[in-house]
Amino acid sequence: MKLSDKLLYALFILGAVCLAVFGLCALDWLWACATVLVVLFWAWMLHARCTRRDDYSDGR
């Protein structure tokens, strides 16, 4: 994963937590936790997909 990808994920997580800190709604922390979990899941999925060996590495 490139540094720009990591910074983008960190920006999403930081944004979700900052909005939850403002406390505009009673469920802000719930939404922030859900957002963080979704971002971490997609980061893990993209990282796993990018590092996976190609099934067709026999020269086809």
C-alpha atoms as a PDB file:
ATOM      1  CA  MET A   1       0.000   0.000   0.000  1.00  0.00           C
ATOM      2  CA  LYS A   2       1.231   3.460  -0.830  1.00  0.00           C
ATOM      3  CA  LEU A   3       1.682   6.195   1.726  1.00  0.00           C
ATOM      4  CA  SER A   4      -1.125   8.205   0.120  1.00  0.00           C
ATOM      5  CA  ASP A   5      -3.520   5.287   0.686  1.00  0.00           C
ATOM      6  CA  LYS A   6      -2.569   5.092   4.348  1.00  0.00           C
ATOM      7  CA  LEU A   7      -2.988   8.843   4.753  1.00  0.00           C
ATOM      8  CA  LEU A   8      -6.433   8.685   3.147  1.00  0.00           C
ATOM      9  CA  TYR A   9      -7.541   5.919   5.522  1.00  0.00           C
ATOM     10  CA  ALA A  10      -6.160   7.881   8.470  1.00  0.00           C
ATOM     11  CA  LEU A  11      -8.046  10.974   7.295  1.00  0.00           C
ATOM     12  CA  PHE A  12     -11.339   9.053   7.178  1.00  0.00           C
ATOM     13  CA  ILE A  13     -10.779   7.639  10.650  1.00  0.00           C
ATOM     14  CA  LEU A  14      -9.720  10.992  12.086  1.00  0.00           C
ATOM     15  CA  GLY A  15     -12.717  12.706  10.493  1.00  0.00           C
ATOM     16  CA  ALA A  16     -15.138  10.167  11.953  1.00  0.00           C
ATOM     17  CA  VAL A  17     -13.649  10.509  15.427  1.00  0.00           C
ATOM     18  CA  CYS A  18     -13.615  14.327  15.241  1.00  0.00           C
ATOM     19  CA  LEU A  19     -17.285  14.414  14.270  1.00  0.00           C
ATOM     20  CA  ALA A  20     -18.103  12.092  17.153  1.00  0.00           C
ATOM     21  CA  VAL A  21     -16.261  14.351  19.602  1.00  0.00           C
ATOM     22  CA  PHE A  22     -18.552  17.252  18.709  1.00  0.00           C
ATOM     23  CA  GLY A  23     -21.490  15.246  20.057  1.00  0.00           C
ATOM     24  CA  LEU A  24     -24.175  16.520  17.718  1.00  0.00           C
ATOM     25  CA  CYS A  25     -26.167  13.340  18.136  1.00  0.00           C
ATOM     26  CA  ALA A  26     -26.398  10.613  20.764  1.00  0.00           C
ATOM     27  CA  LEU A  27     -25.316   7.973  18.243  1.00  0.00           C
ATOM     28  CA  ASP A  28     -22.219   9.779  16.951  1.00  0.00           C
ATOM     29  CA  TRP A  29     -19.806   7.400  18.693  1.00  0.00           C
ATOM     30  CA  LEU A  30     -21.654   4.409  17.281  1.00  0.00           C
ATOM     31  CA  TRP A  31     -21.373   5.804  13.750  1.00  0.00           C
ATOM     32  CA  ALA A  32     -17.716   6.678  14.311  1.00  0.00           C
ATOM     33  CA  CYS A  33     -16.944   3.134  15.459  1.00  0.00           C
ATOM     34  CA  ALA A  34     -18.796   1.686  12.480  1.00  0.00           C
ATOM     35  CA  THR A  35     -16.888   3.986  10.123  1.00  0.00           C
ATOM     36  CA  VAL A  36     -13.551   3.022  11.642  1.00  0.00           C
ATOM     37  CA  LEU A  37     -14.395  -0.681  11.332  1.00  0.00           C
ATOM     38  CA  VAL A  38     -15.425  -0.291   7.686  1.00  0.00           C
ATOM     39  CA  VAL A  39     -12.269   1.662   6.813  1.00  0.00           C
ATOM     40  CA  LEU A  40     -10.047  -0.888   8.557  1.00  0.00           C
ATOM     41  CA  PHE A  41     -11.841  -3.767   6.826  1.00  0.00           C
ATOM     42  CA  TRP A  42     -11.400  -2.256   3.366  1.00  0.00           C
ATOM     43  CA  ALA A  43      -7.776  -1.366   4.074  1.00  0.00           C
ATOM     44  CA  TRP A  44      -7.112  -4.960   5.123  1.00  0.00           C
ATOM     45  CA  MET A  45      -8.971  -6.330   2.096  1.00  0.00           C
ATOM     46  CA  LEU A  46      -7.080  -4.130  -0.369  1.00  0.00           C
ATOM     47  CA  HIS A  47      -3.771  -4.931   1.305  1.00  0.00           C
ATOM     48  CA  ALA A  48      -4.483  -8.669   1.171  1.00  0.00           C
ATOM     49  CA  ARG A  49      -5.522  -8.464  -2.468  1.00  0.00           C
ATOM     50  CA  CYS A  50      -2.442  -6.455  -3.459  1.00  0.00           C
ATOM     51  CA  THR A  51      -0.003  -8.805  -1.729  1.00  0.00           C
ATOM     52  CA  ARG A  52      -1.634 -12.042  -2.914  1.00  0.00           C
ATOM     53  CA  ARG A  53       0.364 -14.090  -5.381  1.00  0.00           C
ATOM     54  CA  ASP A  54      -1.064 -14.261  -8.855  1.00  0.00           C
ATOM     55  CA  ASP A  55      -2.682 -17.637  -9.609  1.00  0.00           C
ATOM     56  CA  TYR A  56      -1.419 -17.489 -13.176  1.00  0.00           C
ATOM     57  CA  SER A  57       2.270 -17.042 -12.426  1.00  0.00           C
ATOM     58  CA  ASP A  58       3.301 -19.891 -14.741  1.00  0.00           C
ATOM     59  CA  GLY A  59       3.919 -17.489 -17.646  1.00  0.00           C
ATOM     60  CA  ARG A  60       0.541 -17.472 -19.356  1.00  0.00           C
END
